[in-house]
Amino acid sequence: MAEPRVPGSGGDRHLELPCGNSIDPHEIDLGMREYSCPCGGTHAVVTDVHPPSRFFPESLVAVLRETIEPADEFEEFGTPHLLGVVMEEFPEKVRTYDASDDGAVGYAMLWVTDFDARRLHEIVVELVVELMEHAVSHADDDTAISEFETQMLEFDVEEFVDQYRRQREFESEHDRAL
């Protein structure tokens, strides 16, 4: 006779990591940003409940939400779209776990990358800058295009990530959006 259970609460739960090791997705809590793996590496951890402001100031997130209209079931641009761009660029470096039927974890989607959290942050910023450059290149205003290109020549991704992570206090449980 079958035993009653909460959906997703039993059976073989595992997520194969990019390094080949596996984890139980229930080991991931909502505050986790990295997983120290037995392989010796550190993997970035992102869930769908992490806001895009994990990577960008709220003011930029607002601009992205205003200008990007998702062509999927999501109402607005968010973290799943950012990780989708990363997966498109680095498909072998990102693993996902669909937890939408698992009421025990607190998230619906989990991404674990071959990169540590800081490197993932840099990659997300680099890819969004590329998307912005592409969008601006289609503008009818040559002055705006030139100004944007000049600003991007001065933009230092590593410095942005350093400053943003320092301001966000990523090492503390008191992390807040900027």
C-alpha atoms as a PDB file:
ATOM      1  CA  MET A   1       0.000   0.000   0.000  1.00  0.00           C
ATOM      2  CA  ALA A   2       1.351   3.436  -0.937  1.00  0.00           C
ATOM      3  CA  GLU A   3       2.289   5.749   1.916  1.00  0.00           C
ATOM      4  CA  PRO A   4       0.978   9.328   1.874  1.00  0.00           C
ATOM      5  CA  ARG A   5       3.653  11.992   1.521  1.00  0.00           C
ATOM      6  CA  VAL A   6       4.193  15.620   0.655  1.00  0.00           C
ATOM      7  CA  PRO A   7       4.955  16.028  -3.078  1.00  0.00           C
ATOM      8  CA  GLY A   8       8.705  15.915  -3.626  1.00  0.00           C
ATOM      9  CA  SER A   9       9.419  14.757  -0.094  1.00  0.00           C
ATOM     10  CA  GLY A  10      10.628  11.274  -0.882  1.00  0.00           C
ATOM     11  CA  GLY A  11      12.424   9.227  -3.435  1.00  0.00           C
ATOM     12  CA  ASP A  12      15.793   9.840  -4.959  1.00  0.00           C
ATOM     13  CA  ARG A  13      16.521  13.563  -4.678  1.00  0.00           C
ATOM     14  CA  HIS A  14      19.809  14.654  -6.108  1.00  0.00           C
ATOM     15  CA  LEU A  15      21.316  17.267  -8.321  1.00  0.00           C
ATOM     16  CA  GLU A  16      24.446  16.435 -10.249  1.00  0.00           C
ATOM     17  CA  LEU A  17      26.843  19.352 -10.003  1.00  0.00           C
ATOM     18  CA  PRO A  18      29.002  20.576 -12.903  1.00  0.00           C
ATOM     19  CA  CYS A  19      32.004  18.883 -11.242  1.00  0.00           C
ATOM     20  CA  GLY A  20      30.258  15.483 -11.272  1.00  0.00           C
ATOM     21  CA  ASN A  21      29.459  15.308  -7.547  1.00  0.00           C
ATOM     22  CA  SER A  22      25.829  15.236  -6.412  1.00  0.00           C
ATOM     23  CA  ILE A  23      23.935  16.991  -3.643  1.00  0.00           C
ATOM     24  CA  ASP A  24      20.488  16.683  -2.154  1.00  0.00           C
ATOM     25  CA  PRO A  25      18.720  19.958  -3.051  1.00  0.00           C
ATOM     26  CA  HIS A  26      17.268  19.964   0.461  1.00  0.00           C
ATOM     27  CA  GLU A  27      20.770  20.833   1.706  1.00  0.00           C
ATOM     28  CA  ILE A  28      20.388  24.244   0.060  1.00  0.00           C
ATOM     29  CA  ASP A  29      18.799  26.904   2.232  1.00  0.00           C
ATOM     30  CA  LEU A  30      17.460  30.228   1.008  1.00  0.00           C
ATOM     31  CA  GLY A  31      20.355  32.232   2.447  1.00  0.00           C
ATOM     32  CA  MET A  32      23.021  30.118   0.790  1.00  0.00           C
ATOM     33  CA  ARG A  33      25.070  31.746  -1.962  1.00  0.00           C
ATOM     34  CA  GLU A  34      27.842  29.144  -2.252  1.00  0.00           C
ATOM     35  CA  TYR A  35      28.266  25.441  -1.709  1.00  0.00           C
ATOM     36  CA  SER A  36      31.643  24.103  -0.550  1.00  0.00           C
ATOM     37  CA  CYS A  37      31.915  20.903  -2.517  1.00  0.00           C
ATOM     38  CA  PRO A  38      33.843  17.740  -1.646  1.00  0.00           C
ATOM     39  CA  CYS A  39      35.563  18.219  -5.042  1.00  0.00           C
ATOM     40  CA  GLY A  40      37.480  21.058  -3.412  1.00  0.00           C
ATOM     41  CA  GLY A  41      35.666  23.753  -5.354  1.00  0.00           C
ATOM     42  CA  THR A  42      33.064  26.289  -4.366  1.00  0.00           C
ATOM     43  CA  HIS A  43      29.895  26.452  -6.457  1.00  0.00           C
ATOM     44  CA  ALA A  44      27.616  29.495  -6.656  1.00  0.00           C
ATOM     45  CA  VAL A  45      24.065  28.784  -5.531  1.00  0.00           C
ATOM     46  CA  VAL A  46      21.096  30.815  -6.787  1.00  0.00           C
ATOM     47  CA  THR A  47      17.397  30.235  -6.233  1.00  0.00           C
ATOM     48  CA  ASP A  48      14.452  31.876  -7.923  1.00  0.00           C
ATOM     49  CA  VAL A  49      13.647  33.716  -4.681  1.00  0.00           C
ATOM     50  CA  HIS A  50      16.975  35.565  -4.811  1.00  0.00           C
ATOM     51  CA  PRO A  51      16.160  38.991  -6.263  1.00  0.00           C
ATOM     52  CA  PRO A  52      18.067  40.419  -9.242  1.00  0.00           C
ATOM     53  CA  SER A  53      19.368  43.019  -6.777  1.00  0.00           C
ATOM     54  CA  ARG A  54      21.738  40.282  -5.641  1.00  0.00           C
ATOM     55  CA  PHE A  55      23.713  41.332  -8.730  1.00  0.00           C
ATOM     56  CA  PHE A  56      22.596  44.925  -9.472  1.00  0.00           C
ATOM     57  CA  PRO A  57      21.311  48.003  -7.638  1.00  0.00           C
ATOM     58  CA  GLU A  58      17.526  48.293  -7.453  1.00  0.00           C
ATOM     59  CA  SER A  59      17.634  51.318  -9.780  1.00  0.00           C
ATOM     60  CA  LEU A  60      19.153  49.215 -12.583  1.00  0.00           C
ATOM     61  CA  VAL A  61      16.792  46.318 -11.833  1.00  0.00           C
ATOM     62  CA  ALA A  62      13.884  48.765 -12.241  1.00  0.00           C
ATOM     63  CA  VAL A  63      15.245  49.862 -15.632  1.00  0.00           C
ATOM     64  CA  LEU A  64      15.677  46.249 -16.753  1.00  0.00           C
ATOM     65  CA  ARG A  65      12.132  45.410 -15.643  1.00  0.00           C
ATOM     66  CA  GLU A  66      10.769  48.455 -17.433  1.00  0.00           C
ATOM     67  CA  THR A  67      12.565  47.785 -20.714  1.00  0.00           C
ATOM     68  CA  ILE A  68      12.582  43.979 -20.943  1.00  0.00           C
ATOM     69  CA  GLU A  69       9.280  42.246 -21.534  1.00  0.00           C
ATOM     70  CA  PRO A  70       9.679  38.533 -20.803  1.00  0.00           C
ATOM     71  CA  ALA A  71       8.347  36.131 -23.412  1.00  0.00           C
ATOM     72  CA  ASP A  72       7.591  33.462 -20.837  1.00  0.00           C
ATOM     73  CA  GLU A  73       5.289  32.784 -17.900  1.00  0.00           C
ATOM     74  CA  PHE A  74       7.033  35.316 -15.639  1.00  0.00           C
ATOM     75  CA  GLU A  75       5.325  38.663 -15.158  1.00  0.00           C
ATOM     76  CA  GLU A  76       8.563  40.622 -14.999  1.00  0.00           C
ATOM     77  CA  PHE A  77      12.273  40.349 -15.664  1.00  0.00           C
ATOM     78  CA  GLY A  78      14.018  38.612 -12.778  1.00  0.00           C
ATOM     79  CA  THR A  79      16.633  36.200 -11.530  1.00  0.00           C
ATOM     80  CA  PRO A  80      15.439  33.293 -13.726  1.00  0.00           C
ATOM     81  CA  HIS A  81      16.157  35.452 -16.788  1.00  0.00           C
ATOM     82  CA  LEU A  82      19.623  36.391 -15.541  1.00  0.00           C
ATOM     83  CA  LEU A  83      20.498  32.749 -14.934  1.00  0.00           C
ATOM     84  CA  GLY A  84      18.960  31.825 -18.279  1.00  0.00           C
ATOM     85  CA  VAL A  85      21.430  34.153 -19.989  1.00  0.00           C
ATOM     86  CA  VAL A  86      24.283  32.546 -18.026  1.00  0.00           C
ATOM     87  CA  MET A  87      23.052  29.063 -18.984  1.00  0.00           C
ATOM     88  CA  GLU A  88      22.854  30.082 -22.628  1.00  0.00           C
ATOM     89  CA  GLU A  89      26.468  31.256 -22.553  1.00  0.00           C
ATOM     90  CA  PHE A  90      27.832  28.462 -20.324  1.00  0.00           C
ATOM     91  CA  PRO A  91      25.491  25.456 -20.652  1.00  0.00           C
ATOM     92  CA  GLU A  92      28.017  22.945 -19.304  1.00  0.00           C
ATOM     93  CA  LYS A  93      28.804  25.114 -16.246  1.00  0.00           C
ATOM     94  CA  VAL A  94      25.277  25.421 -14.787  1.00  0.00           C
ATOM     95  CA  ARG A  95      22.983  22.759 -13.326  1.00  0.00           C
ATOM     96  CA  THR A  96      19.345  23.321 -12.456  1.00  0.00           C
ATOM     97  CA  TYR A  97      16.859  21.652 -10.180  1.00  0.00           C
ATOM     98  CA  ASP A  98      13.111  22.132 -10.578  1.00  0.00           C
ATOM     99  CA  ALA A  99      11.642  22.113  -7.084  1.00  0.00           C
ATOM    100  CA  SER A 100       8.221  23.449  -8.059  1.00  0.00           C
ATOM    101  CA  ASP A 101       6.568  20.281  -6.730  1.00  0.00           C
ATOM    102  CA  ASP A 102       8.674  20.197  -3.569  1.00  0.00           C
ATOM    103  CA  GLY A 103       7.079  22.077  -0.696  1.00  0.00           C
ATOM    104  CA  ALA A 104       9.982  21.395   1.628  1.00  0.00           C
ATOM    105  CA  VAL A 105      12.646  23.689   0.143  1.00  0.00           C
ATOM    106  CA  GLY A 106      11.148  27.195  -0.132  1.00  0.00           C
ATOM    107  CA  TYR A 107      12.166  27.775  -3.741  1.00  0.00           C
ATOM    108  CA  ALA A 108      10.866  26.590  -7.094  1.00  0.00           C
ATOM    109  CA  MET A 109      14.117  26.660  -9.066  1.00  0.00           C
ATOM    110  CA  LEU A 110      17.725  26.128  -8.076  1.00  0.00           C
ATOM    111  CA  TRP A 111      20.853  26.846 -10.099  1.00  0.00           C
ATOM    112  CA  VAL A 112      24.316  25.643  -9.071  1.00  0.00           C
ATOM    113  CA  THR A 113      27.284  26.761 -11.153  1.00  0.00           C
ATOM    114  CA  ASP A 114      30.827  25.639 -11.678  1.00  0.00           C
ATOM    115  CA  PHE A 115      31.829  29.214 -10.732  1.00  0.00           C
ATOM    116  CA  ASP A 116      32.045  30.589  -7.222  1.00  0.00           C
ATOM    117  CA  ALA A 117      29.561  33.334  -6.276  1.00  0.00           C
ATOM    118  CA  ARG A 118      31.922  36.210  -7.037  1.00  0.00           C
ATOM    119  CA  ARG A 119      32.822  34.927 -10.505  1.00  0.00           C
ATOM    120  CA  LEU A 120      29.130  34.290 -11.249  1.00  0.00           C
ATOM    121  CA  HIS A 121      28.428  37.884 -10.221  1.00  0.00           C
ATOM    122  CA  GLU A 122      31.063  39.119 -12.691  1.00  0.00           C
ATOM    123  CA  ILE A 123      29.630  36.931 -15.454  1.00  0.00           C
ATOM    124  CA  VAL A 124      26.082  38.189 -14.862  1.00  0.00           C
ATOM    125  CA  VAL A 125      27.274  41.803 -15.005  1.00  0.00           C
ATOM    126  CA  GLU A 126      29.325  41.164 -18.167  1.00  0.00           C
ATOM    127  CA  LEU A 127      26.383  39.501 -19.917  1.00  0.00           C
ATOM    128  CA  VAL A 128      23.909  42.232 -18.983  1.00  0.00           C
ATOM    129  CA  VAL A 129      26.357  44.872 -20.214  1.00  0.00           C
ATOM    130  CA  GLU A 130      26.565  42.959 -23.513  1.00  0.00           C
ATOM    131  CA  LEU A 131      22.758  42.898 -23.733  1.00  0.00           C
ATOM    132  CA  MET A 132      22.644  46.624 -23.029  1.00  0.00           C
ATOM    133  CA  GLU A 133      25.289  47.309 -25.691  1.00  0.00           C
ATOM    134  CA  HIS A 134      23.282  45.298 -28.185  1.00  0.00           C
ATOM    135  CA  ALA A 135      20.081  47.171 -27.328  1.00  0.00           C
ATOM    136  CA  VAL A 136      21.771  50.577 -27.539  1.00  0.00           C
ATOM    137  CA  SER A 137      23.310  49.679 -30.912  1.00  0.00           C
ATOM    138  CA  HIS A 138      19.766  49.559 -32.314  1.00  0.00           C
ATOM    139  CA  ALA A 139      18.947  53.073 -31.121  1.00  0.00           C
ATOM    140  CA  ASP A 140      18.341  55.839 -33.644  1.00  0.00           C
ATOM    141  CA  ASP A 141      20.347  58.342 -31.598  1.00  0.00           C
ATOM    142  CA  ASP A 142      24.038  58.319 -32.608  1.00  0.00           C
ATOM    143  CA  THR A 143      24.917  60.589 -29.676  1.00  0.00           C
ATOM    144  CA  ALA A 144      23.359  58.145 -27.183  1.00  0.00           C
ATOM    145  CA  ILE A 145      25.208  55.239 -28.800  1.00  0.00           C
ATOM    146  CA  SER A 146      28.529  57.101 -28.665  1.00  0.00           C
ATOM    147  CA  GLU A 147      27.964  58.203 -25.061  1.00  0.00           C
ATOM    148  CA  PHE A 148      27.078  54.676 -23.970  1.00  0.00           C
ATOM    149  CA  GLU A 149      30.138  53.224 -25.716  1.00  0.00           C
ATOM    150  CA  THR A 150      32.367  55.797 -24.011  1.00  0.00           C
ATOM    151  CA  GLN A 151      30.895  54.961 -20.608  1.00  0.00           C
ATOM    152  CA  MET A 152      31.376  51.243 -21.210  1.00  0.00           C
ATOM    153  CA  LEU A 153      35.057  51.773 -22.049  1.00  0.00           C
ATOM    154  CA  GLU A 154      35.447  53.269 -18.569  1.00  0.00           C
ATOM    155  CA  PHE A 155      33.331  50.606 -16.835  1.00  0.00           C
ATOM    156  CA  ASP A 156      35.352  48.102 -14.815  1.00  0.00           C
ATOM    157  CA  VAL A 157      33.311  44.962 -14.103  1.00  0.00           C
ATOM    158  CA  GLU A 158      35.650  43.698 -11.376  1.00  0.00           C
ATOM    159  CA  GLU A 159      35.624  47.050  -9.574  1.00  0.00           C
ATOM    160  CA  PHE A 160      31.826  47.283  -9.842  1.00  0.00           C
ATOM    161  CA  VAL A 161      31.450  43.780  -8.373  1.00  0.00           C
ATOM    162  CA  ASP A 162      33.955  44.543  -5.580  1.00  0.00           C
ATOM    163  CA  GLN A 163      32.169  47.745  -4.590  1.00  0.00           C
ATOM    164  CA  TYR A 164      28.691  46.278  -4.899  1.00  0.00           C
ATOM    165  CA  ARG A 165      29.514  43.188  -2.848  1.00  0.00           C
ATOM    166  CA  ARG A 166      31.218  45.353  -0.200  1.00  0.00           C
ATOM    167  CA  GLN A 167      28.180  47.642   0.033  1.00  0.00           C
ATOM    168  CA  ARG A 168      25.739  44.747   0.089  1.00  0.00           C
ATOM    169  CA  GLU A 169      27.607  43.055   2.969  1.00  0.00           C
ATOM    170  CA  PHE A 170      27.445  39.629   1.329  1.00  0.00           C
ATOM    171  CA  GLU A 171      29.273  38.073   4.270  1.00  0.00           C
ATOM    172  CA  SER A 172      26.558  39.124   6.721  1.00  0.00           C
ATOM    173  CA  GLU A 173      23.001  37.982   7.303  1.00  0.00           C
ATOM    174  CA  HIS A 174      22.048  41.698   7.174  1.00  0.00           C
ATOM    175  CA  ASP A 175      22.366  41.892   3.373  1.00  0.00           C
ATOM    176  CA  ARG A 176      20.015  44.515   1.899  1.00  0.00           C
ATOM    177  CA  ALA A 177      19.264  45.770  -1.579  1.00  0.00           C
ATOM    178  CA  LEU A 178      20.845  49.072  -2.635  1.00  0.00           C
END
